[in-house]
Amino acid sequence: MTVLRHTNGNVGGINPIQYAFKEDIASLIINPDTLTGAITFKPGKGWNYLYGSPDSIQLEGKEEDLPAGIRYSYNFKMLIPKDRKDVEITLMQLNQRHLIINAIDKNGVSRYYGTLDQPMKKLGKLLKPATIESYSGWEVVFNGEFSQPAAYAPVGTYVPVDPPPVSEE
């Protein structure tokens, strides 16, 4: 097994993420040999868009060797600007829900974080600093632990979700 030098660029960063509720997915099949995942949504369901401030979406992944085998942990952290009612309502609806995250990096690589048996979970906190120059808004964290690495979306299946209209609040 050999790892070769990559081709093309290697741009850092993650685009705004997409998420789906576990109950909106008819099937999520992951080939463990190729790490390719295929998602089929229930009728009328699909990806939801979650905006994050430019260059604020971070992903940290790590492997841990445990007696039961390797555990893969992923932690997304993103900033959603401004304390707004529509944001609070959406984030409230994500609480205690089982989520699958579709993260597309700036290189166009799309990966599915979470499975139907081991979904991602969301945590958040509102930040309102004392100074005008500081960030004001929500810090949202998605995390999960899995028995295999996050699956890659099949090449050519990434269809970006158009962001909804801008909130006037």
N, C-alpha and C. Protein backbone atom coordinates (compact mmCIF):
# COMPACT_ATOMS: atom_id res chain seq x y z
N MET A 1 0.85 -1.18 0.00
CA MET A 1 0.00 0.00 0.00
C MET A 1 0.89 1.24 0.00
N THR A 2 0.62 2.13 -0.92
CA THR A 2 1.45 3.31 -1.11
C THR A 2 0.58 4.56 -1.09
N VAL A 3 1.08 5.63 -0.51
CA VAL A 3 0.44 6.93 -0.57
C VAL A 3 1.30 7.80 -1.47
N LEU A 4 0.71 8.29 -2.55
CA LEU A 4 1.43 9.12 -3.51
C LEU A 4 1.14 10.59 -3.25
N ARG A 5 1.98 11.44 -3.82
CA ARG A 5 1.77 12.88 -3.72
C ARG A 5 0.46 13.24 -4.41
N HIS A 6 -0.29 14.17 -3.84
CA HIS A 6 -1.58 14.58 -4.40
C HIS A 6 -1.37 15.39 -5.69
N THR A 7 -2.43 15.48 -6.48
CA THR A 7 -2.41 16.31 -7.68
C THR A 7 -3.33 17.50 -7.43
N ASN A 8 -3.20 18.52 -8.23
CA ASN A 8 -3.98 19.76 -8.09
C ASN A 8 -3.65 20.44 -6.78
N GLY A 9 -4.44 21.42 -6.40
CA GLY A 9 -4.18 22.18 -5.19
C GLY A 9 -4.64 21.45 -3.94
N ASN A 10 -4.32 22.03 -2.83
CA ASN A 10 -4.76 21.50 -1.54
C ASN A 10 -5.17 22.68 -0.68
N VAL A 11 -6.35 23.20 -0.97
CA VAL A 11 -6.85 24.39 -0.31
C VAL A 11 -7.47 23.98 1.02
N GLY A 12 -7.23 24.76 2.05
CA GLY A 12 -7.82 24.48 3.35
C GLY A 12 -9.21 25.09 3.46
N GLY A 13 -9.94 24.63 4.43
CA GLY A 13 -11.25 25.21 4.72
C GLY A 13 -12.40 24.34 4.31
N ILE A 14 -13.53 24.59 4.97
CA ILE A 14 -14.77 23.85 4.72
C ILE A 14 -15.84 24.85 4.35
N ASN A 15 -16.62 24.51 3.33
CA ASN A 15 -17.75 25.34 2.94
C ASN A 15 -18.86 25.19 3.99
N PRO A 16 -19.87 26.07 3.95
CA PRO A 16 -21.00 25.85 4.86
C PRO A 16 -21.49 24.42 4.76
N ILE A 17 -21.87 23.87 5.90
CA ILE A 17 -22.20 22.45 5.93
C ILE A 17 -23.68 22.21 5.65
N GLN A 18 -23.96 20.96 5.36
CA GLN A 18 -25.32 20.50 5.16
C GLN A 18 -25.59 19.43 6.21
N TYR A 19 -26.83 19.31 6.64
CA TYR A 19 -27.18 18.29 7.61
C TYR A 19 -28.52 17.67 7.24
N ALA A 20 -28.71 16.46 7.73
CA ALA A 20 -30.00 15.78 7.56
C ALA A 20 -30.33 15.10 8.88
N PHE A 21 -31.60 15.03 9.17
CA PHE A 21 -32.05 14.29 10.35
C PHE A 21 -32.06 12.81 10.02
N LYS A 22 -31.65 12.01 10.97
CA LYS A 22 -31.60 10.55 10.79
C LYS A 22 -32.94 10.02 10.26
N GLU A 23 -34.04 10.52 10.79
CA GLU A 23 -35.35 10.01 10.40
C GLU A 23 -35.76 10.40 8.97
N ASP A 24 -35.02 11.33 8.34
CA ASP A 24 -35.30 11.73 6.96
C ASP A 24 -34.56 10.87 5.93
N ILE A 25 -33.73 9.95 6.40
CA ILE A 25 -32.92 9.13 5.52
C ILE A 25 -33.51 7.73 5.41
N ALA A 26 -33.77 7.30 4.18
CA ALA A 26 -34.29 5.94 3.95
C ALA A 26 -33.17 4.92 4.09
N SER A 27 -31.98 5.23 3.57
CA SER A 27 -30.85 4.32 3.73
C SER A 27 -29.53 5.08 3.62
N LEU A 28 -28.57 4.59 4.36
CA LEU A 28 -27.19 5.10 4.31
C LEU A 28 -26.31 3.86 4.31
N ILE A 29 -25.73 3.59 3.16
CA ILE A 29 -24.90 2.40 3.00
C ILE A 29 -23.46 2.84 2.81
N ILE A 30 -22.57 2.26 3.61
CA ILE A 30 -21.14 2.58 3.53
C ILE A 30 -20.38 1.32 3.17
N ASN A 31 -19.60 1.40 2.10
CA ASN A 31 -18.74 0.29 1.72
C ASN A 31 -17.47 0.41 2.55
N PRO A 32 -17.22 -0.54 3.48
CA PRO A 32 -16.05 -0.42 4.35
C PRO A 32 -14.71 -0.57 3.63
N ASP A 33 -14.71 -1.18 2.44
CA ASP A 33 -13.47 -1.35 1.70
C ASP A 33 -13.04 -0.08 0.96
N THR A 34 -14.03 0.68 0.47
CA THR A 34 -13.72 1.89 -0.29
C THR A 34 -14.04 3.18 0.47
N LEU A 35 -14.69 3.04 1.63
CA LEU A 35 -15.15 4.18 2.44
C LEU A 35 -16.07 5.11 1.66
N THR A 36 -16.79 4.56 0.69
CA THR A 36 -17.75 5.34 -0.08
C THR A 36 -19.14 5.13 0.51
N GLY A 37 -19.86 6.23 0.69
CA GLY A 37 -21.20 6.16 1.25
C GLY A 37 -22.24 6.56 0.23
N ALA A 38 -23.42 5.96 0.34
CA ALA A 38 -24.54 6.30 -0.54
C ALA A 38 -25.76 6.56 0.33
N ILE A 39 -26.35 7.73 0.16
CA ILE A 39 -27.53 8.12 0.95
C ILE A 39 -28.74 8.20 0.04
N THR A 40 -29.84 7.62 0.50
CA THR A 40 -31.13 7.75 -0.16
C THR A 40 -32.07 8.40 0.85
N PHE A 41 -32.66 9.50 0.45
CA PHE A 41 -33.58 10.21 1.35
C PHE A 41 -35.00 9.70 1.17
N LYS A 42 -35.80 9.87 2.20
CA LYS A 42 -37.23 9.58 2.11
C LYS A 42 -37.86 10.64 1.20
N PRO A 43 -39.00 10.34 0.58
CA PRO A 43 -39.62 11.31 -0.33
C PRO A 43 -39.84 12.67 0.33
N GLY A 44 -39.48 13.72 -0.40
CA GLY A 44 -39.65 15.08 0.08
C GLY A 44 -38.60 15.55 1.07
N LYS A 45 -37.61 14.72 1.35
CA LYS A 45 -36.57 15.08 2.32
C LYS A 45 -35.24 15.24 1.60
N GLY A 46 -34.29 15.91 2.23
CA GLY A 46 -32.97 16.12 1.64
C GLY A 46 -32.09 16.88 2.60
N TRP A 47 -30.99 17.41 2.06
CA TRP A 47 -30.03 18.15 2.88
C TRP A 47 -30.59 19.50 3.28
N ASN A 48 -30.27 19.93 4.48
CA ASN A 48 -30.56 21.27 4.99
C ASN A 48 -29.25 22.04 5.04
N TYR A 49 -29.33 23.33 4.85
CA TYR A 49 -28.15 24.20 4.77
C TYR A 49 -27.92 24.87 6.13
N LEU A 50 -26.66 24.96 6.56
CA LEU A 50 -26.34 25.66 7.79
C LEU A 50 -25.16 26.59 7.53
N TYR A 51 -25.43 27.88 7.51
CA TYR A 51 -24.41 28.89 7.22
C TYR A 51 -23.47 29.06 8.41
N GLY A 52 -22.20 29.20 8.11
CA GLY A 52 -21.20 29.57 9.11
C GLY A 52 -20.40 30.74 8.58
N SER A 53 -19.93 31.59 9.47
CA SER A 53 -19.10 32.72 9.06
C SER A 53 -17.94 32.21 8.21
N PRO A 54 -17.57 32.95 7.16
CA PRO A 54 -16.47 32.50 6.30
C PRO A 54 -15.22 32.16 7.11
N ASP A 55 -14.64 31.05 6.76
CA ASP A 55 -13.41 30.56 7.38
C ASP A 55 -13.55 30.26 8.87
N SER A 56 -14.78 30.04 9.36
CA SER A 56 -14.96 29.73 10.78
C SER A 56 -15.23 28.25 11.02
N ILE A 57 -15.48 27.48 9.98
CA ILE A 57 -15.83 26.07 10.16
C ILE A 57 -14.55 25.26 10.27
N GLN A 58 -14.40 24.60 11.41
CA GLN A 58 -13.21 23.80 11.67
C GLN A 58 -13.62 22.35 11.92
N LEU A 59 -12.79 21.44 11.48
CA LEU A 59 -13.00 20.01 11.73
C LEU A 59 -11.76 19.45 12.38
N GLU A 60 -11.98 18.73 13.46
CA GLU A 60 -10.90 17.99 14.09
C GLU A 60 -11.31 16.53 14.15
N GLY A 61 -10.46 15.67 13.64
CA GLY A 61 -10.72 14.24 13.68
C GLY A 61 -9.54 13.53 14.31
N LYS A 62 -9.82 12.48 15.05
CA LYS A 62 -8.72 11.73 15.64
C LYS A 62 -9.09 10.26 15.75
N GLU A 63 -8.06 9.44 15.78
CA GLU A 63 -8.20 8.01 15.97
C GLU A 63 -7.71 7.66 17.36
N GLU A 64 -8.42 6.76 18.02
CA GLU A 64 -8.00 6.28 19.33
C GLU A 64 -7.99 4.76 19.30
N ASP A 65 -6.93 4.18 19.82
CA ASP A 65 -6.81 2.73 19.90
C ASP A 65 -7.39 2.27 21.24
N LEU A 66 -8.52 1.61 21.20
CA LEU A 66 -9.20 1.14 22.40
C LEU A 66 -9.23 -0.39 22.40
N PRO A 67 -9.48 -1.02 23.54
CA PRO A 67 -9.55 -2.48 23.57
C PRO A 67 -10.55 -3.08 22.57
N ALA A 68 -11.63 -2.36 22.30
CA ALA A 68 -12.64 -2.84 21.34
C ALA A 68 -12.27 -2.55 19.89
N GLY A 69 -11.20 -1.81 19.65
CA GLY A 69 -10.78 -1.45 18.30
C GLY A 69 -10.57 0.05 18.17
N ILE A 70 -10.31 0.48 16.95
CA ILE A 70 -10.06 1.91 16.69
C ILE A 70 -11.38 2.67 16.77
N ARG A 71 -11.35 3.81 17.45
CA ARG A 71 -12.50 4.70 17.50
C ARG A 71 -12.12 5.98 16.76
N TYR A 72 -13.01 6.43 15.87
CA TYR A 72 -12.81 7.65 15.09
C TYR A 72 -13.74 8.72 15.67
N SER A 73 -13.16 9.81 16.12
CA SER A 73 -13.93 10.91 16.70
C SER A 73 -13.81 12.13 15.79
N TYR A 74 -14.94 12.79 15.57
CA TYR A 74 -14.98 14.00 14.75
C TYR A 74 -15.68 15.11 15.52
N ASN A 75 -15.15 16.31 15.38
CA ASN A 75 -15.67 17.47 16.08
C ASN A 75 -15.66 18.66 15.12
N PHE A 76 -16.84 19.12 14.73
CA PHE A 76 -16.98 20.33 13.91
C PHE A 76 -17.27 21.49 14.84
N LYS A 77 -16.65 22.62 14.56
CA LYS A 77 -16.93 23.84 15.30
C LYS A 77 -17.14 24.94 14.27
N MET A 78 -18.22 25.70 14.42
CA MET A 78 -18.51 26.76 13.47
C MET A 78 -19.16 27.94 14.18
N LEU A 79 -19.05 29.10 13.57
CA LEU A 79 -19.65 30.32 14.11
C LEU A 79 -20.80 30.75 13.20
N ILE A 80 -21.95 30.97 13.81
CA ILE A 80 -23.12 31.45 13.08
C ILE A 80 -23.40 32.86 13.61
N PRO A 81 -23.21 33.86 12.74
CA PRO A 81 -23.24 35.24 13.24
C PRO A 81 -24.61 35.75 13.66
N LYS A 82 -24.55 36.63 14.61
CA LYS A 82 -25.64 37.47 15.08
C LYS A 82 -26.68 36.67 15.86
N ASP A 83 -27.09 37.21 16.97
CA ASP A 83 -28.16 36.64 17.79
C ASP A 83 -29.47 36.97 17.10
N ARG A 84 -30.05 35.98 16.41
CA ARG A 84 -31.28 36.19 15.64
C ARG A 84 -32.31 35.13 16.01
N LYS A 85 -33.57 35.50 16.00
CA LYS A 85 -34.64 34.58 16.38
C LYS A 85 -34.68 33.37 15.45
N ASP A 86 -34.56 33.58 14.13
CA ASP A 86 -34.65 32.45 13.19
C ASP A 86 -33.51 31.46 13.40
N VAL A 87 -32.31 31.97 13.74
CA VAL A 87 -31.18 31.08 14.01
C VAL A 87 -31.44 30.28 15.28
N GLU A 88 -31.91 30.96 16.32
CA GLU A 88 -32.19 30.28 17.59
C GLU A 88 -33.24 29.19 17.42
N ILE A 89 -34.26 29.44 16.64
CA ILE A 89 -35.30 28.44 16.41
C ILE A 89 -34.73 27.23 15.68
N THR A 90 -33.94 27.47 14.63
CA THR A 90 -33.33 26.36 13.89
C THR A 90 -32.39 25.57 14.79
N LEU A 91 -31.53 26.24 15.53
CA LEU A 91 -30.58 25.54 16.40
C LEU A 91 -31.31 24.77 17.49
N MET A 92 -32.40 25.33 18.01
CA MET A 92 -33.19 24.64 19.02
C MET A 92 -33.76 23.33 18.45
N GLN A 93 -34.16 23.35 17.18
CA GLN A 93 -34.72 22.15 16.55
C GLN A 93 -33.66 21.08 16.31
N LEU A 94 -32.37 21.45 16.34
CA LEU A 94 -31.29 20.48 16.18
C LEU A 94 -30.90 19.81 17.50
N ASN A 95 -31.34 20.40 18.62
CA ASN A 95 -30.99 19.84 19.92
C ASN A 95 -31.57 18.44 20.09
N GLN A 96 -30.77 17.57 20.67
CA GLN A 96 -31.17 16.20 20.97
C GLN A 96 -31.63 15.42 19.74
N ARG A 97 -31.22 15.86 18.56
CA ARG A 97 -31.58 15.16 17.32
C ARG A 97 -30.38 14.37 16.83
N HIS A 98 -30.65 13.32 16.10
CA HIS A 98 -29.60 12.51 15.49
C HIS A 98 -29.37 13.03 14.08
N LEU A 99 -28.13 13.44 13.80
CA LEU A 99 -27.82 14.15 12.56
C LEU A 99 -26.75 13.44 11.75
N ILE A 100 -26.86 13.56 10.44
CA ILE A 100 -25.80 13.19 9.51
C ILE A 100 -25.32 14.51 8.90
N ILE A 101 -24.02 14.73 8.94
CA ILE A 101 -23.43 15.96 8.43
C ILE A 101 -22.75 15.67 7.10
N ASN A 102 -22.99 16.52 6.12
CA ASN A 102 -22.30 16.46 4.83
C ASN A 102 -21.40 17.69 4.78
N ALA A 103 -20.10 17.47 4.91
CA ALA A 103 -19.14 18.58 4.87
C ALA A 103 -18.38 18.52 3.57
N ILE A 104 -18.37 19.63 2.86
CA ILE A 104 -17.67 19.74 1.59
C ILE A 104 -16.53 20.72 1.78
N ASP A 105 -15.31 20.25 1.58
CA ASP A 105 -14.18 21.16 1.77
C ASP A 105 -13.94 22.00 0.52
N LYS A 106 -13.03 22.93 0.61
CA LYS A 106 -12.75 23.85 -0.50
C LYS A 106 -12.11 23.15 -1.70
N ASN A 107 -11.68 21.89 -1.52
CA ASN A 107 -11.17 21.09 -2.63
C ASN A 107 -12.28 20.33 -3.34
N GLY A 108 -13.52 20.44 -2.84
CA GLY A 108 -14.65 19.75 -3.45
C GLY A 108 -14.86 18.34 -2.93
N VAL A 109 -14.15 17.96 -1.87
CA VAL A 109 -14.31 16.62 -1.30
C VAL A 109 -15.49 16.64 -0.33
N SER A 110 -16.44 15.75 -0.55
CA SER A 110 -17.64 15.66 0.27
C SER A 110 -17.58 14.39 1.10
N ARG A 111 -17.80 14.54 2.43
CA ARG A 111 -17.78 13.38 3.33
C ARG A 111 -19.01 13.42 4.23
N TYR A 112 -19.49 12.22 4.55
CA TYR A 112 -20.64 12.06 5.44
C TYR A 112 -20.14 11.71 6.83
N TYR A 113 -20.48 12.53 7.80
CA TYR A 113 -20.08 12.30 9.19
C TYR A 113 -21.31 11.84 9.96
N GLY A 114 -21.22 10.63 10.47
CA GLY A 114 -22.33 10.02 11.19
C GLY A 114 -22.93 8.90 10.38
N THR A 115 -23.55 7.98 11.08
CA THR A 115 -24.27 6.87 10.45
C THR A 115 -25.64 6.80 11.11
N LEU A 116 -26.49 5.93 10.60
CA LEU A 116 -27.81 5.79 11.20
C LEU A 116 -27.72 5.19 12.60
N ASP A 117 -26.70 4.36 12.84
CA ASP A 117 -26.50 3.77 14.16
C ASP A 117 -25.69 4.66 15.08
N GLN A 118 -24.83 5.49 14.51
CA GLN A 118 -23.95 6.37 15.29
C GLN A 118 -23.98 7.78 14.69
N PRO A 119 -25.06 8.53 14.95
CA PRO A 119 -25.19 9.86 14.36
C PRO A 119 -24.38 10.91 15.11
N MET A 120 -24.29 12.09 14.51
CA MET A 120 -23.66 13.25 15.14
C MET A 120 -24.68 13.91 16.07
N LYS A 121 -24.17 14.68 17.03
CA LYS A 121 -25.02 15.46 17.95
C LYS A 121 -24.53 16.90 17.94
N LYS A 122 -25.43 17.83 18.29
CA LYS A 122 -25.11 19.26 18.27
C LYS A 122 -25.11 19.84 19.68
N LEU A 123 -24.16 20.73 19.92
CA LEU A 123 -24.11 21.54 21.13
C LEU A 123 -23.89 22.98 20.68
N GLY A 124 -24.26 23.94 21.49
CA GLY A 124 -24.03 25.32 21.10
C GLY A 124 -23.99 26.24 22.29
N LYS A 125 -23.45 27.43 22.03
CA LYS A 125 -23.48 28.46 23.06
C LYS A 125 -23.52 29.83 22.38
N LEU A 126 -24.21 30.74 23.01
CA LEU A 126 -24.34 32.10 22.50
C LEU A 126 -23.20 32.94 23.05
N LEU A 127 -22.52 33.67 22.15
CA LEU A 127 -21.40 34.53 22.52
C LEU A 127 -21.79 35.98 22.27
N LYS A 128 -21.78 36.79 23.33
CA LYS A 128 -22.05 38.22 23.21
C LYS A 128 -20.97 38.95 24.01
N PRO A 129 -19.88 39.30 23.35
CA PRO A 129 -18.77 39.92 24.06
C PRO A 129 -19.04 41.37 24.45
N ALA A 130 -18.17 41.87 25.30
CA ALA A 130 -18.30 43.25 25.78
C ALA A 130 -17.87 44.28 24.75
N THR A 131 -17.00 43.88 23.81
CA THR A 131 -16.50 44.86 22.85
C THR A 131 -17.17 44.70 21.49
N ILE A 132 -17.36 45.80 20.81
CA ILE A 132 -18.00 45.80 19.50
C ILE A 132 -17.18 45.01 18.48
N GLU A 133 -15.87 45.07 18.58
CA GLU A 133 -14.99 44.44 17.59
C GLU A 133 -14.99 42.92 17.67
N SER A 134 -15.48 42.35 18.77
CA SER A 134 -15.46 40.89 18.95
C SER A 134 -16.61 40.22 18.23
N TYR A 135 -16.49 38.91 18.08
CA TYR A 135 -17.52 38.11 17.42
C TYR A 135 -18.77 38.04 18.28
N SER A 136 -19.93 38.18 17.67
CA SER A 136 -21.20 38.05 18.35
C SER A 136 -22.07 37.07 17.57
N GLY A 137 -22.54 36.05 18.23
CA GLY A 137 -23.39 35.07 17.58
C GLY A 137 -23.25 33.71 18.26
N TRP A 138 -23.59 32.67 17.52
CA TRP A 138 -23.59 31.32 18.05
C TRP A 138 -22.32 30.57 17.68
N GLU A 139 -21.78 29.87 18.65
CA GLU A 139 -20.73 28.88 18.40
C GLU A 139 -21.41 27.52 18.47
N VAL A 140 -21.39 26.80 17.36
CA VAL A 140 -22.07 25.51 17.27
C VAL A 140 -21.04 24.41 17.09
N VAL A 141 -21.22 23.32 17.82
CA VAL A 141 -20.32 22.19 17.75
C VAL A 141 -21.13 20.94 17.44
N PHE A 142 -20.68 20.19 16.44
CA PHE A 142 -21.24 18.87 16.13
C PHE A 142 -20.16 17.86 16.47
N ASN A 143 -20.53 16.81 17.20
CA ASN A 143 -19.52 15.80 17.50
C ASN A 143 -20.12 14.40 17.44
N GLY A 144 -19.22 13.43 17.23
CA GLY A 144 -19.63 12.04 17.20
C GLY A 144 -18.43 11.11 17.24
N GLU A 145 -18.69 9.88 17.64
CA GLU A 145 -17.65 8.84 17.72
C GLU A 145 -18.15 7.64 16.94
N PHE A 146 -17.24 7.05 16.13
CA PHE A 146 -17.64 6.02 15.19
C PHE A 146 -16.64 4.88 15.15
N SER A 147 -17.09 3.76 14.65
CA SER A 147 -16.22 2.58 14.55
C SER A 147 -15.47 2.54 13.22
N GLN A 148 -15.75 3.46 12.31
CA GLN A 148 -15.02 3.55 11.04
C GLN A 148 -14.91 5.01 10.64
N PRO A 149 -13.97 5.34 9.75
CA PRO A 149 -13.82 6.74 9.33
C PRO A 149 -15.06 7.24 8.60
N ALA A 150 -15.20 8.56 8.55
CA ALA A 150 -16.31 9.17 7.81
C ALA A 150 -16.25 8.75 6.36
N ALA A 151 -17.42 8.47 5.80
CA ALA A 151 -17.51 8.01 4.41
C ALA A 151 -17.36 9.17 3.44
N TYR A 152 -16.81 8.87 2.27
CA TYR A 152 -16.72 9.83 1.18
C TYR A 152 -17.95 9.70 0.30
N ALA A 153 -18.48 10.83 -0.14
CA ALA A 153 -19.57 10.79 -1.11
C ALA A 153 -19.01 10.33 -2.44
N PRO A 154 -19.76 9.54 -3.20
CA PRO A 154 -19.26 9.14 -4.51
C PRO A 154 -18.94 10.35 -5.38
N VAL A 155 -17.87 10.27 -6.14
CA VAL A 155 -17.44 11.37 -7.00
C VAL A 155 -18.57 11.72 -7.96
N GLY A 156 -18.85 13.00 -8.09
CA GLY A 156 -19.88 13.46 -9.03
C GLY A 156 -21.27 13.51 -8.43
N THR A 157 -21.45 13.11 -7.15
CA THR A 157 -22.78 13.15 -6.56
C THR A 157 -23.02 14.39 -5.72
N TYR A 158 -21.99 15.18 -5.50
CA TYR A 158 -22.15 16.37 -4.68
C TYR A 158 -22.99 17.40 -5.43
N VAL A 159 -24.11 17.74 -4.85
CA VAL A 159 -24.98 18.79 -5.39
C VAL A 159 -25.15 19.81 -4.28
N PRO A 160 -24.58 20.99 -4.44
CA PRO A 160 -24.67 21.97 -3.35
C PRO A 160 -26.10 22.39 -3.08
N VAL A 161 -26.38 22.65 -1.83
CA VAL A 161 -27.68 23.16 -1.44
C VAL A 161 -27.61 24.68 -1.54
N ASP A 162 -28.54 25.27 -2.24
CA ASP A 162 -28.57 26.72 -2.32
C ASP A 162 -28.98 27.29 -0.97
N PRO A 163 -28.28 28.31 -0.52
CA PRO A 163 -28.66 28.90 0.76
C PRO A 163 -30.02 29.56 0.65
N PRO A 164 -30.79 29.54 1.74
CA PRO A 164 -32.07 30.23 1.72
C PRO A 164 -31.86 31.73 1.66
N PRO A 165 -32.92 32.51 1.44
CA PRO A 165 -32.78 33.97 1.39
C PRO A 165 -32.17 34.50 2.68
N VAL A 166 -31.51 35.63 2.58
CA VAL A 166 -30.86 36.25 3.73
C VAL A 166 -31.93 36.79 4.68
N SER A 167 -31.71 36.55 5.97
CA SER A 167 -32.60 37.06 7.00
C SER A 167 -32.42 38.57 7.14
N GLU A 168 -33.50 39.29 7.31
CA GLU A 168 -33.44 40.74 7.44
C GLU A 168 -33.24 41.17 8.88
N GLU A 169 -33.23 40.23 9.83
CA GLU A 169 -33.07 40.59 11.25
C GLU A 169 -31.66 40.90 11.57
